[in-house]
Amino acid sequence: MHRQFTDEPVPRELLDRMVWAASRAQQTRSGIRNIVVVDDPRLMATARQVLPGFVNNAPAMLVHCTDLVAAEKLAGRACVEVTTRLDAGAACAHLALMAQTLGLGTCTVTSWSDATARALFDLPEHIRPDVTVAVGFVPPSPPRAARGFTTAVHHNRFGEEWVNA
């Protein structure tokens, strides 16, 4: 996760590769996922003002969205509430991996109100914004990543410690 980027615009060809990667991630059914590619500097500036979690200077972003009507019609209510969010996370993972391959950095952001994001990106009511992914070139000496994150790993049952081999 990067929060500082260079001012260099991300070429359209690289954004195309990012979209390609996201579209290859798991999805419950075809026709549910929508991606909005944003590279207009004015729209990016507005995003920084109205999306509280978008605290970076990335020159571009990809907005992963779900068609709620199509999701419910094709796969039911559980798909809308659970599966599409898992699919959005998988798409973000694909984006992050592709970014590294292309010499880019990403920052996944989910802090906003749906209404604000819908208004900013002209999304219809049935299209839910799931996540935005800031995209850009990382400075040669990016700040060190935060340390101290831990993950509890259990073996067979919760509370049974997993011991590395």
C-alpha atoms as a PDB file:
ATOM      1  CA  MET A   1       0.000   0.000   0.000  1.00  0.00           C
ATOM      2  CA  HIS A   2       1.469   3.298  -1.094  1.00  0.00           C
ATOM      3  CA  ARG A   3       0.201   6.720  -0.168  1.00  0.00           C
ATOM      4  CA  GLN A   4       2.823   8.742  -1.996  1.00  0.00           C
ATOM      5  CA  PHE A   5       3.211   8.725  -5.747  1.00  0.00           C
ATOM      6  CA  THR A   6       5.153  10.730  -8.308  1.00  0.00           C
ATOM      7  CA  ASP A   7       3.343  13.328 -10.429  1.00  0.00           C
ATOM      8  CA  GLU A   8       3.923  11.249 -13.559  1.00  0.00           C
ATOM      9  CA  PRO A   9       0.625  10.296 -15.230  1.00  0.00           C
ATOM     10  CA  VAL A  10      -0.052   6.589 -15.673  1.00  0.00           C
ATOM     11  CA  PRO A  11      -0.119   5.805 -19.399  1.00  0.00           C
ATOM     12  CA  ARG A  12      -3.368   4.458 -20.743  1.00  0.00           C
ATOM     13  CA  GLU A  13      -1.622   1.244 -21.845  1.00  0.00           C
ATOM     14  CA  LEU A  14      -0.693   0.501 -18.217  1.00  0.00           C
ATOM     15  CA  LEU A  15      -4.207   1.310 -17.015  1.00  0.00           C
ATOM     16  CA  ASP A  16      -5.483  -1.118 -19.673  1.00  0.00           C
ATOM     17  CA  ARG A  17      -3.227  -3.819 -18.198  1.00  0.00           C
ATOM     18  CA  MET A  18      -4.569  -3.033 -14.718  1.00  0.00           C
ATOM     19  CA  VAL A  19      -8.154  -3.400 -15.963  1.00  0.00           C
ATOM     20  CA  TRP A  20      -7.190  -6.662 -17.659  1.00  0.00           C
ATOM     21  CA  ALA A  21      -5.786  -7.987 -14.367  1.00  0.00           C
ATOM     22  CA  ALA A  22      -8.858  -6.990 -12.349  1.00  0.00           C
ATOM     23  CA  SER A  23     -11.195  -8.539 -14.898  1.00  0.00           C
ATOM     24  CA  ARG A  24      -9.344 -11.867 -14.584  1.00  0.00           C
ATOM     25  CA  ALA A  25     -10.084 -12.126 -10.857  1.00  0.00           C
ATOM     26  CA  GLN A  26     -12.816 -14.440  -9.638  1.00  0.00           C
ATOM     27  CA  GLN A  27     -16.366 -13.251 -10.109  1.00  0.00           C
ATOM     28  CA  THR A  28     -19.574 -15.055  -9.389  1.00  0.00           C
ATOM     29  CA  ARG A  29     -21.057 -14.469 -12.820  1.00  0.00           C
ATOM     30  CA  SER A  30     -20.235 -12.431 -15.885  1.00  0.00           C
ATOM     31  CA  GLY A  31     -21.996  -9.074 -16.097  1.00  0.00           C
ATOM     32  CA  ILE A  32     -21.798  -8.158 -12.404  1.00  0.00           C
ATOM     33  CA  ARG A  33     -18.408  -6.394 -12.209  1.00  0.00           C
ATOM     34  CA  ASN A  34     -17.929  -2.841 -13.456  1.00  0.00           C
ATOM     35  CA  ILE A  35     -14.698  -0.858 -13.367  1.00  0.00           C
ATOM     36  CA  VAL A  36     -14.438   2.915 -13.717  1.00  0.00           C
ATOM     37  CA  VAL A  37     -10.974   4.111 -14.758  1.00  0.00           C
ATOM     38  CA  VAL A  38     -10.315   7.626 -13.467  1.00  0.00           C
ATOM     39  CA  ASP A  39      -7.357   9.696 -14.677  1.00  0.00           C
ATOM     40  CA  ASP A  40      -8.829  13.193 -15.034  1.00  0.00           C
ATOM     41  CA  PRO A  41      -6.711  15.401 -12.720  1.00  0.00           C
ATOM     42  CA  ARG A  42      -9.736  17.512 -11.723  1.00  0.00           C
ATOM     43  CA  LEU A  43     -11.787  14.449 -10.808  1.00  0.00           C
ATOM     44  CA  MET A  44      -8.836  13.033  -8.858  1.00  0.00           C
ATOM     45  CA  ALA A  45      -8.547  16.317  -6.932  1.00  0.00           C
ATOM     46  CA  THR A  46     -12.267  16.219  -6.133  1.00  0.00           C
ATOM     47  CA  ALA A  47     -11.954  12.594  -4.989  1.00  0.00           C
ATOM     48  CA  ARG A  48      -9.309  13.683  -2.459  1.00  0.00           C
ATOM     49  CA  GLN A  49     -11.725  16.272  -1.106  1.00  0.00           C
ATOM     50  CA  VAL A  50     -14.847  14.111  -0.783  1.00  0.00           C
ATOM     51  CA  LEU A  51     -13.606  10.552  -0.169  1.00  0.00           C
ATOM     52  CA  PRO A  52     -12.229  10.612   3.402  1.00  0.00           C
ATOM     53  CA  GLY A  53      -9.930   7.607   2.984  1.00  0.00           C
ATOM     54  CA  PHE A  54      -8.431   8.797  -0.297  1.00  0.00           C
ATOM     55  CA  VAL A  55      -5.393  10.443   1.290  1.00  0.00           C
ATOM     56  CA  ASN A  56      -2.813  10.031  -1.431  1.00  0.00           C
ATOM     57  CA  ASN A  57      -1.602  11.939  -4.463  1.00  0.00           C
ATOM     58  CA  ALA A  58      -2.111   9.184  -7.048  1.00  0.00           C
ATOM     59  CA  PRO A  59      -2.675  10.421 -10.593  1.00  0.00           C
ATOM     60  CA  ALA A  60      -5.213   7.650 -11.351  1.00  0.00           C
ATOM     61  CA  MET A  61      -7.589   5.199  -9.750  1.00  0.00           C
ATOM     62  CA  LEU A  62      -9.736   2.253 -10.621  1.00  0.00           C
ATOM     63  CA  VAL A  63     -13.156   2.064  -9.007  1.00  0.00           C
ATOM     64  CA  HIS A  64     -14.479  -1.470  -8.661  1.00  0.00           C
ATOM     65  CA  CYS A  65     -18.279  -1.562  -8.692  1.00  0.00           C
ATOM     66  CA  THR A  66     -21.019  -4.185  -8.529  1.00  0.00           C
ATOM     67  CA  ASP A  67     -24.245  -4.231 -10.513  1.00  0.00           C
ATOM     68  CA  LEU A  68     -26.630  -5.066  -7.661  1.00  0.00           C
ATOM     69  CA  VAL A  69     -29.572  -5.890  -9.922  1.00  0.00           C
ATOM     70  CA  ALA A  70     -27.571  -8.272 -12.091  1.00  0.00           C
ATOM     71  CA  ALA A  71     -25.948  -9.891  -9.033  1.00  0.00           C
ATOM     72  CA  GLU A  72     -29.283 -10.615  -7.370  1.00  0.00           C
ATOM     73  CA  LYS A  73     -30.898 -11.798 -10.590  1.00  0.00           C
ATOM     74  CA  LEU A  74     -28.008 -14.098 -11.524  1.00  0.00           C
ATOM     75  CA  ALA A  75     -26.995 -15.436  -8.125  1.00  0.00           C
ATOM     76  CA  GLY A  76     -29.366 -14.307  -5.360  1.00  0.00           C
ATOM     77  CA  ARG A  77     -29.250 -12.060  -2.308  1.00  0.00           C
ATOM     78  CA  ALA A  78     -26.256 -13.764  -0.699  1.00  0.00           C
ATOM     79  CA  CYS A  79     -24.259 -12.947  -3.809  1.00  0.00           C
ATOM     80  CA  VAL A  80     -25.074  -9.250  -3.376  1.00  0.00           C
ATOM     81  CA  GLU A  81     -24.213  -9.161   0.314  1.00  0.00           C
ATOM     82  CA  VAL A  82     -21.197 -11.475   0.494  1.00  0.00           C
ATOM     83  CA  THR A  83     -19.830 -12.964  -2.698  1.00  0.00           C
ATOM     84  CA  THR A  84     -19.509  -9.751  -4.695  1.00  0.00           C
ATOM     85  CA  ARG A  85     -17.454  -8.212  -1.885  1.00  0.00           C
ATOM     86  CA  LEU A  86     -15.113 -11.212  -1.945  1.00  0.00           C
ATOM     87  CA  ASP A  87     -14.864 -10.814  -5.709  1.00  0.00           C
ATOM     88  CA  ALA A  88     -13.967  -7.131  -5.268  1.00  0.00           C
ATOM     89  CA  GLY A  89     -11.184  -8.090  -2.870  1.00  0.00           C
ATOM     90  CA  ALA A  90      -9.838 -10.644  -5.340  1.00  0.00           C
ATOM     91  CA  ALA A  91      -9.843  -7.990  -8.072  1.00  0.00           C
ATOM     92  CA  CYS A  92      -7.860  -5.672  -5.772  1.00  0.00           C
ATOM     93  CA  ALA A  93      -5.285  -8.398  -5.162  1.00  0.00           C
ATOM     94  CA  HIS A  94      -4.906  -8.896  -8.916  1.00  0.00           C
ATOM     95  CA  LEU A  95      -4.501  -5.126  -9.340  1.00  0.00           C
ATOM     96  CA  ALA A  96      -1.790  -4.954  -6.691  1.00  0.00           C
ATOM     97  CA  LEU A  97       0.156  -7.813  -8.256  1.00  0.00           C
ATOM     98  CA  MET A  98      -0.125  -6.372 -11.759  1.00  0.00           C
ATOM     99  CA  ALA A  99       0.962  -2.967 -10.467  1.00  0.00           C
ATOM    100  CA  GLN A 100       4.204  -4.449  -9.130  1.00  0.00           C
ATOM    101  CA  THR A 101       4.817  -6.127 -12.473  1.00  0.00           C
ATOM    102  CA  LEU A 102       4.340  -2.803 -14.269  1.00  0.00           C
ATOM    103  CA  GLY A 103       6.477  -0.758 -11.868  1.00  0.00           C
ATOM    104  CA  LEU A 104       3.447   0.916 -10.271  1.00  0.00           C
ATOM    105  CA  GLY A 105       2.134   1.150  -6.730  1.00  0.00           C
ATOM    106  CA  THR A 106      -1.437   0.933  -5.424  1.00  0.00           C
ATOM    107  CA  CYS A 107      -3.443   1.957  -2.396  1.00  0.00           C
ATOM    108  CA  THR A 108      -6.790   0.283  -1.742  1.00  0.00           C
ATOM    109  CA  VAL A 109      -9.391   2.642  -0.264  1.00  0.00           C
ATOM    110  CA  THR A 110     -12.884   1.861   1.056  1.00  0.00           C
ATOM    111  CA  SER A 111     -13.625   4.864   3.268  1.00  0.00           C
ATOM    112  CA  TRP A 112     -16.478   6.884   1.772  1.00  0.00           C
ATOM    113  CA  SER A 113     -20.247   7.076   1.609  1.00  0.00           C
ATOM    114  CA  ASP A 114     -21.833   5.221  -1.287  1.00  0.00           C
ATOM    115  CA  ALA A 115     -23.922   8.282  -2.136  1.00  0.00           C
ATOM    116  CA  THR A 116     -20.829  10.484  -2.449  1.00  0.00           C
ATOM    117  CA  ALA A 117     -18.997   7.953  -4.611  1.00  0.00           C
ATOM    118  CA  ARG A 118     -22.087   7.465  -6.785  1.00  0.00           C
ATOM    119  CA  ALA A 119     -22.362  11.206  -7.331  1.00  0.00           C
ATOM    120  CA  LEU A 120     -18.643  11.667  -8.008  1.00  0.00           C
ATOM    121  CA  PHE A 121     -18.448   8.919 -10.638  1.00  0.00           C
ATOM    122  CA  ASP A 122     -22.008   9.280 -12.032  1.00  0.00           C
ATOM    123  CA  LEU A 123     -22.919   5.756 -10.922  1.00  0.00           C
ATOM    124  CA  PRO A 124     -26.576   4.737 -11.267  1.00  0.00           C
ATOM    125  CA  GLU A 125     -28.362   3.692  -8.065  1.00  0.00           C
ATOM    126  CA  HIS A 126     -28.064  -0.023  -8.885  1.00  0.00           C
ATOM    127  CA  ILE A 127     -24.267   0.182  -9.215  1.00  0.00           C
ATOM    128  CA  ARG A 128     -22.527  -0.103  -5.834  1.00  0.00           C
ATOM    129  CA  PRO A 129     -19.002   1.268  -5.462  1.00  0.00           C
ATOM    130  CA  ASP A 130     -17.036  -1.464  -3.674  1.00  0.00           C
ATOM    131  CA  VAL A 131     -13.479  -0.163  -3.558  1.00  0.00           C
ATOM    132  CA  THR A 132     -11.188   2.403  -5.130  1.00  0.00           C
ATOM    133  CA  VAL A 133      -7.601   1.558  -5.948  1.00  0.00           C
ATOM    134  CA  ALA A 134      -5.197   4.480  -6.278  1.00  0.00           C
ATOM    135  CA  VAL A 135      -2.603   3.839  -8.982  1.00  0.00           C
ATOM    136  CA  GLY A 136       0.651   5.594  -9.760  1.00  0.00           C
ATOM    137  CA  PHE A 137       4.400   5.485  -9.959  1.00  0.00           C
ATOM    138  CA  VAL A 138       6.108   5.262  -6.580  1.00  0.00           C
ATOM    139  CA  PRO A 139       8.966   7.638  -5.700  1.00  0.00           C
ATOM    140  CA  PRO A 140      12.446   6.049  -5.833  1.00  0.00           C
ATOM    141  CA  SER A 141      12.671   6.090  -2.026  1.00  0.00           C
ATOM    142  CA  PRO A 142       9.129   5.492  -0.767  1.00  0.00           C
ATOM    143  CA  PRO A 143       8.498   5.774   2.970  1.00  0.00           C
ATOM    144  CA  ARG A 144       8.972   2.519   4.844  1.00  0.00           C
ATOM    145  CA  ALA A 145       5.854   0.424   5.196  1.00  0.00           C
ATOM    146  CA  ALA A 146       4.134   0.329   8.567  1.00  0.00           C
ATOM    147  CA  ARG A 147       5.356  -2.470  10.787  1.00  0.00           C
ATOM    148  CA  GLY A 148       3.688  -4.316  13.591  1.00  0.00           C
ATOM    149  CA  PHE A 149       0.806  -5.999  11.790  1.00  0.00           C
ATOM    150  CA  THR A 150       0.240  -9.499  13.050  1.00  0.00           C
ATOM    151  CA  THR A 151      -1.956 -12.342  11.928  1.00  0.00           C
ATOM    152  CA  ALA A 152      -3.177 -15.043  14.283  1.00  0.00           C
ATOM    153  CA  VAL A 153      -2.760 -18.453  12.676  1.00  0.00           C
ATOM    154  CA  HIS A 154      -4.550 -21.463  14.144  1.00  0.00           C
ATOM    155  CA  HIS A 155      -4.122 -25.177  13.459  1.00  0.00           C
ATOM    156  CA  ASN A 156      -7.274 -27.220  12.873  1.00  0.00           C
ATOM    157  CA  ARG A 157      -9.197 -25.330  15.587  1.00  0.00           C
ATOM    158  CA  PHE A 158      -9.345 -21.785  16.785  1.00  0.00           C
ATOM    159  CA  GLY A 159      -6.931 -21.379  19.689  1.00  0.00           C
ATOM    160  CA  GLU A 160      -4.614 -24.219  18.666  1.00  0.00           C
ATOM    161  CA  GLU A 161      -1.324 -22.620  17.722  1.00  0.00           C
ATOM    162  CA  TRP A 162       0.042 -23.182  14.236  1.00  0.00           C
ATOM    163  CA  VAL A 163       3.753 -23.925  14.469  1.00  0.00           C
ATOM    164  CA  ASN A 164       5.885 -23.257  11.399  1.00  0.00           C
ATOM    165  CA  ALA A 165       7.576 -26.317   9.969  1.00  0.00           C
END
